[in-house]
Amino acid sequence: HRAERSHRIAQCATCHTDFICHGASQQPCWCMDYPPLLSPSSGLNCRCPACLTRAVSEQITLQIDTQAVHQFAPAQAIAYQKLPLIEGLDYQIDTAGRWILSRWYLLKRGECCGNACRNCPYGHSAVS
């Protein structure tokens, strides 16, 4: 009696790199942590983390982050507040090891925090 594998090796539909996919197992796949902004009818199979991050970032810009400065957080951004943080989508880590929060993360936050964040989508409205 063989134990069932908890993952499969998939090939990215965009860059053709092999990566681990949990889509065929009992546990949720890592890609379920991403906001569901890509059309399932696009005909593409799974994407690797780098390609999925890039594609979702593009869709965030096209569908949600459509203004240079937001007065209020878009409802779609607020809806995804509880998703886990994803490096490359919610933040970057600079060469000094500091986390740089993305516009997407700050949009999900809902308002300017007043800390003069580098990527503030609210025009630093709470900075004094």
N, C-alpha and C. Protein backbone atom coordinates (compact mmCIF):
# COMPACT_ATOMS: atom_id res chain seq x y z
N HIS A 1 0.84 -1.17 0.00
CA HIS A 1 0.00 0.00 0.00
C HIS A 1 0.89 1.23 0.00
N ARG A 2 0.82 2.03 -1.07
CA ARG A 2 1.66 3.22 -1.19
C ARG A 2 0.96 4.43 -0.60
N ALA A 3 1.75 5.27 0.05
CA ALA A 3 1.20 6.54 0.55
C ALA A 3 1.02 7.49 -0.63
N GLU A 4 -0.08 8.20 -0.62
CA GLU A 4 -0.34 9.15 -1.69
C GLU A 4 0.55 10.38 -1.53
N ARG A 5 1.11 10.86 -2.63
CA ARG A 5 1.96 12.05 -2.60
C ARG A 5 1.12 13.27 -2.30
N SER A 6 1.69 14.20 -1.55
CA SER A 6 0.95 15.40 -1.16
C SER A 6 1.13 16.53 -2.17
N HIS A 7 1.91 16.29 -3.21
CA HIS A 7 2.11 17.33 -4.22
C HIS A 7 2.50 16.68 -5.55
N ARG A 8 2.54 17.51 -6.56
CA ARG A 8 3.02 17.05 -7.86
C ARG A 8 3.97 18.10 -8.41
N ILE A 9 4.81 17.69 -9.30
CA ILE A 9 5.68 18.62 -10.00
C ILE A 9 4.91 19.09 -11.23
N ALA A 10 4.73 20.39 -11.33
CA ALA A 10 4.02 20.98 -12.46
C ALA A 10 4.99 21.83 -13.26
N GLN A 11 4.61 22.13 -14.48
CA GLN A 11 5.43 23.01 -15.30
C GLN A 11 4.65 24.30 -15.51
N CYS A 12 5.31 25.43 -15.25
CA CYS A 12 4.68 26.73 -15.38
C CYS A 12 4.23 26.95 -16.82
N ALA A 13 2.99 27.38 -16.97
CA ALA A 13 2.42 27.64 -18.29
C ALA A 13 3.05 28.86 -18.95
N THR A 14 3.70 29.70 -18.17
CA THR A 14 4.29 30.91 -18.72
C THR A 14 5.77 30.74 -19.03
N CYS A 15 6.58 30.32 -18.04
CA CYS A 15 8.05 30.26 -18.23
C CYS A 15 8.56 28.83 -18.38
N HIS A 16 7.69 27.84 -18.20
CA HIS A 16 8.02 26.41 -18.36
C HIS A 16 8.99 25.87 -17.31
N THR A 17 9.12 26.57 -16.18
CA THR A 17 9.93 26.11 -15.06
C THR A 17 9.13 25.07 -14.27
N ASP A 18 9.79 24.04 -13.76
CA ASP A 18 9.12 23.07 -12.89
C ASP A 18 8.98 23.65 -11.49
N PHE A 19 7.86 23.37 -10.84
CA PHE A 19 7.61 23.83 -9.48
C PHE A 19 6.67 22.86 -8.79
N ILE A 20 6.56 22.97 -7.47
CA ILE A 20 5.69 22.08 -6.70
C ILE A 20 4.28 22.65 -6.66
N CYS A 21 3.32 21.81 -6.99
CA CYS A 21 1.90 22.18 -6.98
C CYS A 21 1.17 21.22 -6.05
N HIS A 22 0.33 21.76 -5.19
CA HIS A 22 -0.47 20.93 -4.28
C HIS A 22 -1.91 20.80 -4.78
N GLY A 23 -2.18 21.28 -5.98
CA GLY A 23 -3.54 21.29 -6.51
C GLY A 23 -4.21 19.93 -6.61
N ALA A 24 -3.45 18.88 -6.72
CA ALA A 24 -4.03 17.54 -6.86
C ALA A 24 -4.08 16.78 -5.53
N SER A 25 -3.79 17.47 -4.43
CA SER A 25 -3.75 16.80 -3.13
C SER A 25 -4.93 17.23 -2.26
N GLN A 26 -4.95 16.71 -1.06
CA GLN A 26 -6.01 17.04 -0.10
C GLN A 26 -5.80 18.42 0.52
N GLN A 27 -4.57 18.91 0.53
CA GLN A 27 -4.30 20.20 1.15
C GLN A 27 -4.40 21.32 0.12
N PRO A 28 -4.69 22.54 0.57
CA PRO A 28 -4.78 23.65 -0.38
C PRO A 28 -3.40 23.97 -0.97
N CYS A 29 -3.40 24.39 -2.19
CA CYS A 29 -2.16 24.76 -2.87
C CYS A 29 -1.72 26.15 -2.42
N TRP A 30 -0.42 26.43 -2.48
CA TRP A 30 0.12 27.74 -2.13
C TRP A 30 -0.53 28.85 -2.95
N CYS A 31 -0.97 28.56 -4.17
CA CYS A 31 -1.54 29.60 -5.03
C CYS A 31 -2.89 30.10 -4.51
N MET A 32 -3.50 29.36 -3.60
CA MET A 32 -4.79 29.79 -3.03
C MET A 32 -4.63 30.99 -2.10
N ASP A 33 -3.39 31.34 -1.74
CA ASP A 33 -3.14 32.52 -0.92
C ASP A 33 -3.21 33.82 -1.73
N TYR A 34 -3.22 33.70 -3.05
CA TYR A 34 -3.27 34.87 -3.93
C TYR A 34 -4.71 35.34 -4.13
N PRO A 35 -4.91 36.65 -4.33
CA PRO A 35 -6.27 37.10 -4.65
C PRO A 35 -6.69 36.51 -6.00
N PRO A 36 -7.93 36.04 -6.10
CA PRO A 36 -8.38 35.37 -7.33
C PRO A 36 -8.74 36.38 -8.43
N LEU A 37 -7.74 36.99 -9.03
CA LEU A 37 -7.98 38.03 -10.02
C LEU A 37 -7.78 37.57 -11.46
N LEU A 38 -7.28 36.38 -11.65
CA LEU A 38 -7.05 35.88 -13.01
C LEU A 38 -8.24 35.07 -13.47
N SER A 39 -8.62 35.25 -14.69
CA SER A 39 -9.76 34.54 -15.24
C SER A 39 -9.43 33.06 -15.41
N PRO A 40 -10.27 32.18 -14.87
CA PRO A 40 -10.02 30.75 -15.05
C PRO A 40 -10.21 30.31 -16.50
N SER A 41 -10.84 31.13 -17.30
CA SER A 41 -11.07 30.78 -18.70
C SER A 41 -9.91 31.20 -19.60
N SER A 42 -8.80 31.65 -18.99
CA SER A 42 -7.66 32.10 -19.79
C SER A 42 -6.98 30.96 -20.52
N GLY A 43 -7.32 29.72 -20.19
CA GLY A 43 -6.74 28.57 -20.86
C GLY A 43 -5.37 28.18 -20.34
N LEU A 44 -4.85 28.91 -19.35
CA LEU A 44 -3.53 28.59 -18.81
C LEU A 44 -3.65 27.63 -17.64
N ASN A 45 -2.68 26.74 -17.55
CA ASN A 45 -2.59 25.86 -16.40
C ASN A 45 -1.89 26.60 -15.27
N CYS A 46 -1.37 25.88 -14.32
CA CYS A 46 -0.68 26.47 -13.18
C CYS A 46 0.50 27.33 -13.62
N ARG A 47 0.82 28.31 -12.78
CA ARG A 47 1.99 29.16 -12.98
C ARG A 47 2.89 29.02 -11.77
N CYS A 48 4.18 29.19 -11.97
CA CYS A 48 5.13 29.15 -10.86
C CYS A 48 4.92 30.39 -10.00
N PRO A 49 5.45 30.41 -8.77
CA PRO A 49 5.25 31.57 -7.89
C PRO A 49 5.67 32.90 -8.52
N ALA A 50 6.80 32.94 -9.22
CA ALA A 50 7.26 34.21 -9.81
C ALA A 50 6.30 34.69 -10.89
N CYS A 51 5.87 33.80 -11.77
CA CYS A 51 4.97 34.20 -12.85
C CYS A 51 3.58 34.54 -12.33
N LEU A 52 3.10 33.79 -11.33
CA LEU A 52 1.79 34.09 -10.76
C LEU A 52 1.83 35.45 -10.05
N THR A 53 2.89 35.72 -9.31
CA THR A 53 3.02 37.01 -8.63
C THR A 53 3.00 38.14 -9.65
N ARG A 54 3.74 37.99 -10.73
CA ARG A 54 3.79 39.03 -11.77
C ARG A 54 2.41 39.22 -12.41
N ALA A 55 1.72 38.13 -12.73
CA ALA A 55 0.41 38.22 -13.37
C ALA A 55 -0.63 38.84 -12.44
N VAL A 56 -0.61 38.46 -11.17
CA VAL A 56 -1.57 39.02 -10.22
C VAL A 56 -1.27 40.50 -9.99
N SER A 57 0.01 40.88 -9.91
CA SER A 57 0.37 42.29 -9.76
C SER A 57 -0.16 43.12 -10.92
N GLU A 58 -0.03 42.59 -12.13
CA GLU A 58 -0.56 43.29 -13.31
C GLU A 58 -2.07 43.46 -13.21
N GLN A 59 -2.76 42.42 -12.75
CA GLN A 59 -4.22 42.51 -12.63
C GLN A 59 -4.64 43.47 -11.52
N ILE A 60 -3.87 43.54 -10.45
CA ILE A 60 -4.16 44.51 -9.38
C ILE A 60 -4.11 45.91 -9.96
N THR A 61 -3.09 46.20 -10.76
CA THR A 61 -2.96 47.52 -11.37
C THR A 61 -4.11 47.79 -12.33
N LEU A 62 -4.50 46.81 -13.12
CA LEU A 62 -5.57 47.00 -14.10
C LEU A 62 -6.96 47.06 -13.48
N GLN A 63 -7.20 46.26 -12.43
CA GLN A 63 -8.55 46.13 -11.89
C GLN A 63 -8.81 46.93 -10.62
N ILE A 64 -7.80 47.14 -9.79
CA ILE A 64 -8.03 47.70 -8.45
C ILE A 64 -7.27 49.00 -8.22
N ASP A 65 -5.97 48.98 -8.44
CA ASP A 65 -5.13 50.16 -8.16
C ASP A 65 -5.06 51.04 -9.41
N THR A 66 -6.18 51.66 -9.73
CA THR A 66 -6.32 52.37 -11.00
C THR A 66 -6.10 53.88 -10.88
N GLN A 67 -5.76 54.37 -9.70
CA GLN A 67 -5.55 55.81 -9.50
C GLN A 67 -4.17 56.05 -8.91
N ALA A 68 -3.60 57.22 -9.22
CA ALA A 68 -2.29 57.56 -8.65
C ALA A 68 -2.42 57.74 -7.14
N VAL A 69 -3.50 58.43 -6.70
CA VAL A 69 -3.76 58.65 -5.28
C VAL A 69 -5.21 58.25 -5.00
N HIS A 70 -5.40 57.41 -4.00
CA HIS A 70 -6.74 56.97 -3.61
C HIS A 70 -7.22 57.77 -2.41
N GLN A 71 -8.47 58.19 -2.45
CA GLN A 71 -9.09 58.83 -1.29
C GLN A 71 -9.53 57.77 -0.29
N PHE A 72 -10.03 56.66 -0.81
CA PHE A 72 -10.52 55.56 0.00
C PHE A 72 -9.98 54.26 -0.59
N ALA A 73 -9.90 53.25 0.24
CA ALA A 73 -9.46 51.93 -0.23
C ALA A 73 -10.54 51.33 -1.12
N PRO A 74 -10.15 50.81 -2.29
CA PRO A 74 -11.14 50.11 -3.12
C PRO A 74 -11.70 48.90 -2.37
N ALA A 75 -12.98 48.64 -2.55
CA ALA A 75 -13.65 47.53 -1.87
C ALA A 75 -12.96 46.20 -2.16
N GLN A 76 -12.47 46.02 -3.40
CA GLN A 76 -11.79 44.76 -3.73
C GLN A 76 -10.52 44.59 -2.90
N ALA A 77 -9.81 45.66 -2.62
CA ALA A 77 -8.59 45.56 -1.81
C ALA A 77 -8.95 45.18 -0.38
N ILE A 78 -9.95 45.82 0.18
CA ILE A 78 -10.40 45.51 1.54
C ILE A 78 -10.82 44.05 1.66
N ALA A 79 -11.46 43.53 0.62
CA ALA A 79 -11.95 42.15 0.64
C ALA A 79 -10.82 41.13 0.80
N TYR A 80 -9.59 41.51 0.42
CA TYR A 80 -8.47 40.58 0.48
C TYR A 80 -7.53 40.86 1.65
N GLN A 81 -7.96 41.63 2.65
CA GLN A 81 -7.11 41.98 3.79
C GLN A 81 -6.58 40.77 4.54
N LYS A 82 -7.34 39.72 4.65
CA LYS A 82 -6.96 38.59 5.50
C LYS A 82 -6.11 37.53 4.80
N LEU A 83 -5.79 37.75 3.52
CA LEU A 83 -4.93 36.80 2.83
C LEU A 83 -3.52 36.86 3.42
N PRO A 84 -2.80 35.75 3.42
CA PRO A 84 -1.41 35.75 3.92
C PRO A 84 -0.54 36.70 3.08
N LEU A 85 0.50 37.24 3.71
CA LEU A 85 1.44 38.11 2.99
C LEU A 85 2.27 37.28 2.03
N ILE A 86 2.49 37.82 0.84
CA ILE A 86 3.26 37.15 -0.20
C ILE A 86 4.40 38.07 -0.62
N GLU A 87 5.62 37.56 -0.48
CA GLU A 87 6.78 38.35 -0.90
C GLU A 87 6.69 38.59 -2.40
N GLY A 88 6.94 39.82 -2.80
CA GLY A 88 6.85 40.20 -4.21
C GLY A 88 5.51 40.78 -4.56
N LEU A 89 4.49 40.49 -3.77
CA LEU A 89 3.16 41.03 -4.00
C LEU A 89 2.80 42.03 -2.90
N ASP A 90 2.98 41.64 -1.65
CA ASP A 90 2.66 42.51 -0.52
C ASP A 90 3.86 43.29 -0.01
N TYR A 91 5.04 42.79 -0.24
CA TYR A 91 6.25 43.45 0.26
C TYR A 91 7.47 42.97 -0.53
N GLN A 92 8.54 43.74 -0.41
CA GLN A 92 9.88 43.38 -0.90
C GLN A 92 10.81 43.51 0.29
N ILE A 93 11.91 42.82 0.26
CA ILE A 93 12.93 42.97 1.29
C ILE A 93 14.14 43.61 0.62
N ASP A 94 14.54 44.80 1.10
CA ASP A 94 15.66 45.49 0.46
C ASP A 94 17.00 44.89 0.91
N THR A 95 18.09 45.42 0.37
CA THR A 95 19.41 44.84 0.64
C THR A 95 19.83 44.97 2.10
N ALA A 96 19.22 45.91 2.83
CA ALA A 96 19.52 46.07 4.25
C ALA A 96 18.62 45.18 5.13
N GLY A 97 17.74 44.39 4.49
CA GLY A 97 16.86 43.50 5.24
C GLY A 97 15.56 44.15 5.70
N ARG A 98 15.29 45.38 5.25
CA ARG A 98 14.05 46.06 5.63
C ARG A 98 12.91 45.64 4.71
N TRP A 99 11.73 45.49 5.29
CA TRP A 99 10.54 45.18 4.51
C TRP A 99 10.00 46.48 3.92
N ILE A 100 9.77 46.49 2.62
CA ILE A 100 9.17 47.62 1.93
C ILE A 100 7.77 47.18 1.52
N LEU A 101 6.77 47.77 2.14
CA LEU A 101 5.39 47.38 1.86
C LEU A 101 4.97 47.90 0.49
N SER A 102 4.22 47.10 -0.24
CA SER A 102 3.79 47.46 -1.60
C SER A 102 2.53 48.32 -1.56
N ARG A 103 2.24 48.96 -2.68
CA ARG A 103 0.97 49.71 -2.80
C ARG A 103 -0.20 48.77 -2.54
N TRP A 104 -0.11 47.54 -3.04
CA TRP A 104 -1.19 46.57 -2.84
C TRP A 104 -1.43 46.32 -1.36
N TYR A 105 -0.37 46.05 -0.60
CA TYR A 105 -0.52 45.83 0.83
C TYR A 105 -1.15 47.06 1.50
N LEU A 106 -0.65 48.23 1.14
CA LEU A 106 -1.15 49.46 1.76
C LEU A 106 -2.59 49.76 1.34
N LEU A 107 -2.97 49.41 0.13
CA LEU A 107 -4.38 49.55 -0.27
C LEU A 107 -5.25 48.64 0.59
N LYS A 108 -4.79 47.39 0.81
CA LYS A 108 -5.55 46.46 1.64
C LYS A 108 -5.67 46.97 3.07
N ARG A 109 -4.67 47.71 3.52
CA ARG A 109 -4.68 48.25 4.88
C ARG A 109 -5.89 49.17 5.08
N GLY A 110 -6.24 49.92 4.06
CA GLY A 110 -7.48 50.69 4.10
C GLY A 110 -7.34 52.19 4.24
N GLU A 111 -6.21 52.67 4.73
CA GLU A 111 -6.03 54.12 4.89
C GLU A 111 -4.55 54.41 5.13
N CYS A 112 -4.20 55.67 4.99
CA CYS A 112 -2.82 56.09 5.26
C CYS A 112 -2.55 55.92 6.75
N CYS A 113 -1.40 55.31 7.07
CA CYS A 113 -1.06 55.05 8.47
C CYS A 113 -0.30 56.22 9.10
N GLY A 114 0.16 57.19 8.30
CA GLY A 114 0.88 58.34 8.83
C GLY A 114 2.37 58.14 8.98
N ASN A 115 2.90 57.01 8.50
CA ASN A 115 4.33 56.72 8.65
C ASN A 115 5.15 57.11 7.42
N ALA A 116 4.57 57.84 6.48
CA ALA A 116 5.25 58.26 5.25
C ALA A 116 5.83 57.07 4.48
N CYS A 117 5.04 56.03 4.34
CA CYS A 117 5.46 54.83 3.62
C CYS A 117 5.85 55.18 2.18
N ARG A 118 6.90 54.55 1.71
CA ARG A 118 7.44 54.80 0.37
C ARG A 118 6.38 54.62 -0.72
N ASN A 119 5.52 53.61 -0.59
CA ASN A 119 4.54 53.28 -1.63
C ASN A 119 3.11 53.66 -1.27
N CYS A 120 2.93 54.65 -0.42
CA CYS A 120 1.58 55.03 0.06
C CYS A 120 0.65 55.36 -1.12
N PRO A 121 -0.46 54.62 -1.25
CA PRO A 121 -1.41 54.92 -2.32
C PRO A 121 -2.40 56.01 -1.94
N TYR A 122 -2.28 56.52 -0.71
CA TYR A 122 -3.22 57.52 -0.20
C TYR A 122 -2.63 58.93 -0.19
N GLY A 123 -1.49 59.13 -0.84
CA GLY A 123 -0.89 60.45 -0.93
C GLY A 123 -0.38 60.98 0.40
N HIS A 124 -0.02 60.09 1.31
CA HIS A 124 0.48 60.47 2.64
C HIS A 124 -0.50 61.41 3.36
N SER A 125 -1.79 61.15 3.22
CA SER A 125 -2.82 62.04 3.76
C SER A 125 -2.81 62.15 5.28
N ALA A 126 -2.27 61.19 5.99
CA ALA A 126 -2.25 61.24 7.47
C ALA A 126 -0.88 61.62 8.01
N VAL A 127 0.07 61.94 7.13
CA VAL A 127 1.41 62.33 7.58
C VAL A 127 1.38 63.77 8.03
N SER A 128 1.90 64.01 9.24
CA SER A 128 1.91 65.41 9.73
C SER A 128 3.32 65.93 9.87
